[in-house]
Amino acid sequence: MAATVARAPRAEAALAGQPVTEEAFARAAQALAEDFAPLSDWRAGAEYRLRGAQGLLRRLHWRIARPDLALEVQA
C-alpha cells in the first residue's frame, strides 16, 4: 500500500465493539479507502493494492466467523 507501515484507524473504528459480521467487515473494508491513498507504480496500481487489502480484511472475517471453512488452496 505504501512505503511505510501504518495503522488503519477508520477501519479499526468500524470494527471496534461490533459483532463479527460480514456487514461490519464490509464497512471496515470500505473505510480502508479513507485510511489510505495507495501508490501506483510499475509493480501494481493503487486500485489493485486497495482491493487486495480489502480482500485480506474479508478473509480475516471468514477465518474468525467460520474456522471450519477451508480457505487455503491445496495443491
PDB file of N, CA and C in Angstrom:
ATOM      1  N   MET A   1       0.822  -1.191   0.000  1.00  0.00           N
ATOM      2  CA  MET A   1       0.000   0.000   0.000  1.00  0.00           C
ATOM      3  C   MET A   1       0.869   1.260   0.000  1.00  0.00           C
ATOM      4  N   ALA A   2       1.925   1.268   0.800  1.00  0.00           N
ATOM      5  CA  ALA A   2       2.756   2.464   0.902  1.00  0.00           C
ATOM      6  C   ALA A   2       4.174   2.054   1.299  1.00  0.00           C
ATOM      7  N   ALA A   3       5.030   3.046   1.376  1.00  0.00           N
ATOM      8  CA  ALA A   3       6.430   2.779   1.689  1.00  0.00           C
ATOM      9  C   ALA A   3       6.653   2.496   3.171  1.00  0.00           C
ATOM     10  N   THR A   4       5.737   2.913   4.027  1.00  0.00           N
ATOM     11  CA  THR A   4       5.886   2.710   5.461  1.00  0.00           C
ATOM     12  C   THR A   4       4.670   1.986   6.025  1.00  0.00           C
ATOM     13  N   VAL A   5       4.879   1.332   7.133  1.00  0.00           N
ATOM     14  CA  VAL A   5       3.796   0.624   7.823  1.00  0.00           C
ATOM     15  C   VAL A   5       2.897   1.657   8.497  1.00  0.00           C
ATOM     16  N   ALA A   6       1.587   1.449   8.396  1.00  0.00           N
ATOM     17  CA  ALA A   6       0.645   2.375   9.022  1.00  0.00           C
ATOM     18  C   ALA A   6      -0.579   1.618   9.514  1.00  0.00           C
ATOM     19  N   ARG A   7      -1.215   2.144  10.544  1.00  0.00           N
ATOM     20  CA  ARG A   7      -2.474   1.587  11.038  1.00  0.00           C
ATOM     21  C   ARG A   7      -3.614   2.145  10.198  1.00  0.00           C
ATOM     22  N   ALA A   8      -4.759   1.520  10.325  1.00  0.00           N
ATOM     23  CA  ALA A   8      -5.961   1.946   9.606  1.00  0.00           C
ATOM     24  C   ALA A   8      -7.005   2.366  10.646  1.00  0.00           C
ATOM     25  N   PRO A   9      -6.926   3.588  11.164  1.00  0.00           N
ATOM     26  CA  PRO A   9      -7.798   3.982  12.275  1.00  0.00           C
ATOM     27  C   PRO A   9      -9.282   3.951  11.943  1.00  0.00           C
ATOM     28  N   ARG A  10      -9.671   4.308  10.736  1.00  0.00           N
ATOM     29  CA  ARG A  10     -11.099   4.277  10.386  1.00  0.00           C
ATOM     30  C   ARG A  10     -11.608   2.838  10.266  1.00  0.00           C
ATOM     31  N   ALA A  11     -10.791   1.971   9.710  1.00  0.00           N
ATOM     32  CA  ALA A  11     -11.171   0.556   9.622  1.00  0.00           C
ATOM     33  C   ALA A  11     -11.233  -0.055  11.019  1.00  0.00           C
ATOM     34  N   GLU A  12     -10.284   0.295  11.870  1.00  0.00           N
ATOM     35  CA  GLU A  12     -10.299  -0.194  13.247  1.00  0.00           C
ATOM     36  C   GLU A  12     -11.565   0.273  13.956  1.00  0.00           C
ATOM     37  N   ALA A  13     -11.905   1.556  13.788  1.00  0.00           N
ATOM     38  CA  ALA A  13     -13.095   2.112  14.436  1.00  0.00           C
ATOM     39  C   ALA A  13     -14.365   1.437  13.931  1.00  0.00           C
ATOM     40  N   ALA A  14     -14.381   1.065  12.644  1.00  0.00           N
ATOM     41  CA  ALA A  14     -15.558   0.392  12.084  1.00  0.00           C
ATOM     42  C   ALA A  14     -15.778  -0.979  12.711  1.00  0.00           C
ATOM     43  N   LEU A  15     -14.716  -1.592  13.222  1.00  0.00           N
ATOM     44  CA  LEU A  15     -14.818  -2.921  13.820  1.00  0.00           C
ATOM     45  C   LEU A  15     -14.924  -2.899  15.349  1.00  0.00           C
ATOM     46  N   ALA A  16     -14.452  -1.843  15.960  1.00  0.00           N
ATOM     47  CA  ALA A  16     -14.405  -1.778  17.427  1.00  0.00           C
ATOM     48  C   ALA A  16     -15.805  -1.903  18.028  1.00  0.00           C
ATOM     49  N   GLY A  17     -15.950  -2.879  18.901  1.00  0.00           N
ATOM     50  CA  GLY A  17     -17.204  -3.074  19.608  1.00  0.00           C
ATOM     51  C   GLY A  17     -18.327  -3.675  18.790  1.00  0.00           C
ATOM     52  N   GLN A  18     -18.025  -4.080  17.562  1.00  0.00           N
ATOM     53  CA  GLN A  18     -19.045  -4.639  16.680  1.00  0.00           C
ATOM     54  C   GLN A  18     -19.008  -6.162  16.717  1.00  0.00           C
ATOM     55  N   PRO A  19     -20.150  -6.795  16.461  1.00  0.00           N
ATOM     56  CA  PRO A  19     -20.122  -8.255  16.345  1.00  0.00           C
ATOM     57  C   PRO A  19     -19.366  -8.662  15.075  1.00  0.00           C
ATOM     58  N   VAL A  20     -18.891  -9.882  15.060  1.00  0.00           N
ATOM     59  CA  VAL A  20     -18.145 -10.390  13.900  1.00  0.00           C
ATOM     60  C   VAL A  20     -19.154 -10.774  12.821  1.00  0.00           C
ATOM     61  N   THR A  21     -19.510  -9.767  12.008  1.00  0.00           N
ATOM     62  CA  THR A  21     -20.468  -9.992  10.928  1.00  0.00           C
ATOM     63  C   THR A  21     -19.845  -9.576   9.610  1.00  0.00           C
ATOM     64  N   GLU A  22     -20.398 -10.107   8.557  1.00  0.00           N
ATOM     65  CA  GLU A  22     -19.927  -9.739   7.220  1.00  0.00           C
ATOM     66  C   GLU A  22     -20.123  -8.247   6.976  1.00  0.00           C
ATOM     67  N   GLU A  23     -21.219  -7.692   7.471  1.00  0.00           N
ATOM     68  CA  GLU A  23     -21.513  -6.273   7.275  1.00  0.00           C
ATOM     69  C   GLU A  23     -20.480  -5.390   7.974  1.00  0.00           C
ATOM     70  N   ALA A  24     -20.106  -5.758   9.191  1.00  0.00           N
ATOM     71  CA  ALA A  24     -19.108  -4.976   9.923  1.00  0.00           C
ATOM     72  C   ALA A  24     -17.774  -4.981   9.179  1.00  0.00           C
ATOM     73  N   PHE A  25     -17.377  -6.124   8.671  1.00  0.00           N
ATOM     74  CA  PHE A  25     -16.112  -6.209   7.943  1.00  0.00           C
ATOM     75  C   PHE A  25     -16.205  -5.517   6.586  1.00  0.00           C
ATOM     76  N   ALA A  26     -17.375  -5.495   5.973  1.00  0.00           N
ATOM     77  CA  ALA A  26     -17.560  -4.760   4.713  1.00  0.00           C
ATOM     78  C   ALA A  26     -17.406  -3.263   4.961  1.00  0.00           C
ATOM     79  N   ARG A  27     -17.956  -2.765   6.071  1.00  0.00           N
ATOM     80  CA  ARG A  27     -17.777  -1.349   6.420  1.00  0.00           C
ATOM     81  C   ARG A  27     -16.302  -1.044   6.668  1.00  0.00           C
ATOM     82  N   ALA A  28     -15.617  -1.932   7.342  1.00  0.00           N
ATOM     83  CA  ALA A  28     -14.192  -1.736   7.606  1.00  0.00           C
ATOM     84  C   ALA A  28     -13.390  -1.744   6.301  1.00  0.00           C
ATOM     85  N   ALA A  29     -13.766  -2.612   5.388  1.00  0.00           N
ATOM     86  CA  ALA A  29     -13.075  -2.666   4.093  1.00  0.00           C
ATOM     87  C   ALA A  29     -13.273  -1.359   3.324  1.00  0.00           C
ATOM     88  N   GLN A  30     -14.471  -0.799   3.385  1.00  0.00           N
ATOM     89  CA  GLN A  30     -14.711   0.484   2.735  1.00  0.00           C
ATOM     90  C   GLN A  30     -13.919   1.606   3.414  1.00  0.00           C
ATOM     91  N   ALA A  31     -13.791   1.505   4.729  1.00  0.00           N
ATOM     92  CA  ALA A  31     -13.047   2.526   5.477  1.00  0.00           C
ATOM     93  C   ALA A  31     -11.567   2.534   5.104  1.00  0.00           C
ATOM     94  N   LEU A  32     -11.056   1.406   4.640  1.00  0.00           N
ATOM     95  CA  LEU A  32      -9.650   1.377   4.207  1.00  0.00           C
ATOM     96  C   LEU A  32      -9.372   2.403   3.119  1.00  0.00           C
ATOM     97  N   ALA A  33     -10.369   2.655   2.271  1.00  0.00           N
ATOM     98  CA  ALA A  33     -10.203   3.638   1.202  1.00  0.00           C
ATOM     99  C   ALA A  33     -10.047   5.052   1.770  1.00  0.00           C
ATOM    100  N   GLU A  34     -10.582   5.278   2.972  1.00  0.00           N
ATOM    101  CA  GLU A  34     -10.415   6.574   3.626  1.00  0.00           C
ATOM    102  C   GLU A  34      -9.099   6.635   4.407  1.00  0.00           C
ATOM    103  N   ASP A  35      -8.630   5.485   4.858  1.00  0.00           N
ATOM    104  CA  ASP A  35      -7.392   5.430   5.634  1.00  0.00           C
ATOM    105  C   ASP A  35      -6.147   5.565   4.772  1.00  0.00           C
ATOM    106  N   PHE A  36      -6.203   5.088   3.541  1.00  0.00           N
ATOM    107  CA  PHE A  36      -5.004   5.025   2.710  1.00  0.00           C
ATOM    108  C   PHE A  36      -5.237   5.593   1.317  1.00  0.00           C
ATOM    109  N   ALA A  37      -4.175   6.118   0.763  1.00  0.00           N
ATOM    110  CA  ALA A  37      -4.132   6.504  -0.640  1.00  0.00           C
ATOM    111  C   ALA A  37      -2.983   5.695  -1.240  1.00  0.00           C
ATOM    112  N   PRO A  38      -3.265   4.446  -1.668  1.00  0.00           N
ATOM    113  CA  PRO A  38      -2.189   3.574  -2.152  1.00  0.00           C
ATOM    114  C   PRO A  38      -1.442   4.178  -3.326  1.00  0.00           C
ATOM    115  N   LEU A  39      -0.190   3.828  -3.420  1.00  0.00           N
ATOM    116  CA  LEU A  39       0.607   4.317  -4.533  1.00  0.00           C
ATOM    117  C   LEU A  39       0.461   3.402  -5.741  1.00  0.00           C
ATOM    118  N   SER A  40       0.687   3.967  -6.882  1.00  0.00           N
ATOM    119  CA  SER A  40       0.745   3.198  -8.124  1.00  0.00           C
ATOM    120  C   SER A  40       2.177   3.261  -8.634  1.00  0.00           C
ATOM    121  N   ASP A  41       2.686   2.133  -9.037  1.00  0.00           N
ATOM    122  CA  ASP A  41       3.997   2.096  -9.662  1.00  0.00           C
ATOM    123  C   ASP A  41       4.025   0.924 -10.638  1.00  0.00           C
ATOM    124  N   TRP A  42       5.182   0.573 -11.115  1.00  0.00           N
ATOM    125  CA  TRP A  42       5.282  -0.462 -12.143  1.00  0.00           C
ATOM    126  C   TRP A  42       4.905  -1.840 -11.612  1.00  0.00           C
ATOM    127  N   ARG A  43       4.889  -2.011 -10.284  1.00  0.00           N
ATOM    128  CA  ARG A  43       4.557  -3.310  -9.705  1.00  0.00           C
ATOM    129  C   ARG A  43       3.054  -3.528  -9.578  1.00  0.00           C
ATOM    130  N   ALA A  44       2.312  -2.474  -9.226  1.00  0.00           N
ATOM    131  CA  ALA A  44       0.864  -2.606  -9.035  1.00  0.00           C
ATOM    132  C   ALA A  44       0.229  -1.225  -8.972  1.00  0.00           C
ATOM    133  N   GLY A  45      -1.038  -1.174  -9.384  1.00  0.00           N
ATOM    134  CA  GLY A  45      -1.781   0.075  -9.337  1.00  0.00           C
ATOM    135  C   GLY A  45      -2.441   0.281  -7.979  1.00  0.00           C
ATOM    136  N   ALA A  46      -2.846   1.509  -7.719  1.00  0.00           N
ATOM    137  CA  ALA A  46      -3.471   1.858  -6.444  1.00  0.00           C
ATOM    138  C   ALA A  46      -4.742   1.063  -6.202  1.00  0.00           C
ATOM    139  N   GLU A  47      -5.586   0.924  -7.206  1.00  0.00           N
ATOM    140  CA  GLU A  47      -6.844   0.186  -7.031  1.00  0.00           C
ATOM    141  C   GLU A  47      -6.578  -1.284  -6.705  1.00  0.00           C
ATOM    142  N   TYR A  48      -5.613  -1.879  -7.379  1.00  0.00           N
ATOM    143  CA  TYR A  48      -5.258  -3.271  -7.125  1.00  0.00           C
ATOM    144  C   TYR A  48      -4.790  -3.453  -5.678  1.00  0.00           C
ATOM    145  N   ARG A  49      -3.949  -2.543  -5.199  1.00  0.00           N
ATOM    146  CA  ARG A  49      -3.438  -2.628  -3.836  1.00  0.00           C
ATOM    147  C   ARG A  49      -4.566  -2.484  -2.816  1.00  0.00           C
ATOM    148  N   LEU A  50      -5.478  -1.532  -3.057  1.00  0.00           N
ATOM    149  CA  LEU A  50      -6.590  -1.330  -2.139  1.00  0.00           C
ATOM    150  C   LEU A  50      -7.503  -2.550  -2.126  1.00  0.00           C
ATOM    151  N   ARG A  51      -7.820  -3.076  -3.283  1.00  0.00           N
ATOM    152  CA  ARG A  51      -8.677  -4.266  -3.341  1.00  0.00           C
ATOM    153  C   ARG A  51      -8.017  -5.468  -2.664  1.00  0.00           C
ATOM    154  N   GLY A  52      -6.714  -5.580  -2.793  1.00  0.00           N
ATOM    155  CA  GLY A  52      -6.002  -6.659  -2.112  1.00  0.00           C
ATOM    156  C   GLY A  52      -6.101  -6.528  -0.600  1.00  0.00           C
ATOM    157  N   ALA A  53      -5.926  -5.323  -0.087  1.00  0.00           N
ATOM    158  CA  ALA A  53      -6.033  -5.095   1.353  1.00  0.00           C
ATOM    159  C   ALA A  53      -7.466  -5.356   1.835  1.00  0.00           C
ATOM    160  N   GLN A  54      -8.445  -4.926   1.050  1.00  0.00           N
ATOM    161  CA  GLN A  54      -9.840  -5.177   1.408  1.00  0.00           C
ATOM    162  C   GLN A  54     -10.134  -6.670   1.410  1.00  0.00           C
ATOM    163  N   GLY A  55      -9.585  -7.385   0.468  1.00  0.00           N
ATOM    164  CA  GLY A  55      -9.775  -8.833   0.407  1.00  0.00           C
ATOM    165  C   GLY A  55      -9.174  -9.541   1.606  1.00  0.00           C
ATOM    166  N   LEU A  56      -8.017  -9.069   2.062  1.00  0.00           N
ATOM    167  CA  LEU A  56      -7.407  -9.659   3.248  1.00  0.00           C
ATOM    168  C   LEU A  56      -8.260  -9.425   4.487  1.00  0.00           C
ATOM    169  N   LEU A  57      -8.888  -8.267   4.558  1.00  0.00           N
ATOM    170  CA  LEU A  57      -9.774  -7.987   5.684  1.00  0.00           C
ATOM    171  C   LEU A  57     -10.996  -8.899   5.651  1.00  0.00           C
ATOM    172  N   ARG A  58     -11.563  -9.110   4.473  1.00  0.00           N
ATOM    173  CA  ARG A  58     -12.701 -10.029   4.340  1.00  0.00           C
ATOM    174  C   ARG A  58     -12.282 -11.465   4.682  1.00  0.00           C
ATOM    175  N   ARG A  59     -11.093 -11.824   4.290  1.00  0.00           N
ATOM    176  CA  ARG A  59     -10.592 -13.167   4.606  1.00  0.00           C
ATOM    177  C   ARG A  59     -10.445 -13.344   6.116  1.00  0.00           C
ATOM    178  N   LEU A  60      -9.996 -12.293   6.806  1.00  0.00           N
ATOM    179  CA  LEU A  60      -9.916 -12.339   8.258  1.00  0.00           C
ATOM    180  C   LEU A  60     -11.289 -12.605   8.862  1.00  0.00           C
ATOM    181  N   HIS A  61     -12.306 -11.957   8.329  1.00  0.00           N
ATOM    182  CA  HIS A  61     -13.668 -12.195   8.818  1.00  0.00           C
ATOM    183  C   HIS A  61     -14.029 -13.668   8.708  1.00  0.00           C
ATOM    184  N   TRP A  62     -13.774 -14.268   7.563  1.00  0.00           N
ATOM    185  CA  TRP A  62     -14.134 -15.677   7.390  1.00  0.00           C
ATOM    186  C   TRP A  62     -13.304 -16.582   8.282  1.00  0.00           C
ATOM    187  N   ARG A  63     -12.064 -16.227   8.521  1.00  0.00           N
ATOM    188  CA  ARG A  63     -11.233 -17.040   9.433  1.00  0.00           C
ATOM    189  C   ARG A  63     -11.805 -17.022  10.845  1.00  0.00           C
ATOM    190  N   ILE A  64     -12.313 -15.856  11.275  1.00  0.00           N
ATOM    191  CA  ILE A  64     -12.874 -15.723  12.621  1.00  0.00           C
ATOM    192  C   ILE A  64     -14.269 -16.329  12.685  1.00  0.00           C
ATOM    193  N   ALA A  65     -15.112 -15.973  11.722  1.00  0.00           N
ATOM    194  CA  ALA A  65     -16.522 -16.375  11.764  1.00  0.00           C
ATOM    195  C   ALA A  65     -16.740 -17.836  11.406  1.00  0.00           C
ATOM    196  N   ARG A  66     -15.937 -18.359  10.527  1.00  0.00           N
ATOM    197  CA  ARG A  66     -16.123 -19.734  10.059  1.00  0.00           C
ATOM    198  C   ARG A  66     -14.805 -20.484  10.023  1.00  0.00           C
ATOM    199  N   PRO A  67     -14.251 -20.821  11.181  1.00  0.00           N
ATOM    200  CA  PRO A  67     -12.968 -21.525  11.201  1.00  0.00           C
ATOM    201  C   PRO A  67     -13.040 -22.907  10.558  1.00  0.00           C
ATOM    202  N   ASP A  68     -14.258 -23.415  10.330  1.00  0.00           N
ATOM    203  CA  ASP A  68     -14.410 -24.719   9.711  1.00  0.00           C
ATOM    204  C   ASP A  68     -14.217 -24.675   8.199  1.00  0.00           C
ATOM    205  N   LEU A  69     -14.238 -23.488   7.597  1.00  0.00           N
ATOM    206  CA  LEU A  69     -14.074 -23.386   6.142  1.00  0.00           C
ATOM    207  C   LEU A  69     -12.598 -23.537   5.754  1.00  0.00           C
ATOM    208  N   ALA A  70     -12.368 -24.246   4.681  1.00  0.00           N
ATOM    209  CA  ALA A  70     -11.016 -24.383   4.155  1.00  0.00           C
ATOM    210  C   ALA A  70     -10.754 -23.196   3.227  1.00  0.00           C
ATOM    211  N   LEU A  71      -9.891 -22.291   3.650  1.00  0.00           N
ATOM    212  CA  LEU A  71      -9.616 -21.103   2.864  1.00  0.00           C
ATOM    213  C   LEU A  71      -8.316 -21.209   2.074  1.00  0.00           C
ATOM    214  N   GLU A  72      -7.568 -22.236   2.322  1.00  0.00           N
ATOM    215  CA  GLU A  72      -6.284 -22.405   1.652  1.00  0.00           C
ATOM    216  C   GLU A  72      -6.443 -23.267   0.408  1.00  0.00           C
ATOM    217  N   VAL A  73      -5.678 -22.949  -0.591  1.00  0.00           N
ATOM    218  CA  VAL A  73      -5.660 -23.738  -1.821  1.00  0.00           C
ATOM    219  C   VAL A  73      -4.726 -24.912  -1.604  1.00  0.00           C
ATOM    220  N   GLN A  74      -5.212 -26.079  -1.873  1.00  0.00           N
ATOM    221  CA  GLN A  74      -4.394 -27.284  -1.716  1.00  0.00           C
ATOM    222  C   GLN A  74      -3.917 -27.753  -3.079  1.00  0.00           C
ATOM    223  N   ALA A  75      -2.628 -27.974  -3.211  1.00  0.00           N
ATOM    224  CA  ALA A  75      -2.063 -28.421  -4.493  1.00  0.00           C
ATOM    225  C   ALA A  75      -2.026 -29.912  -4.579  1.00  0.00           C
TER     226      ALA A  75
END
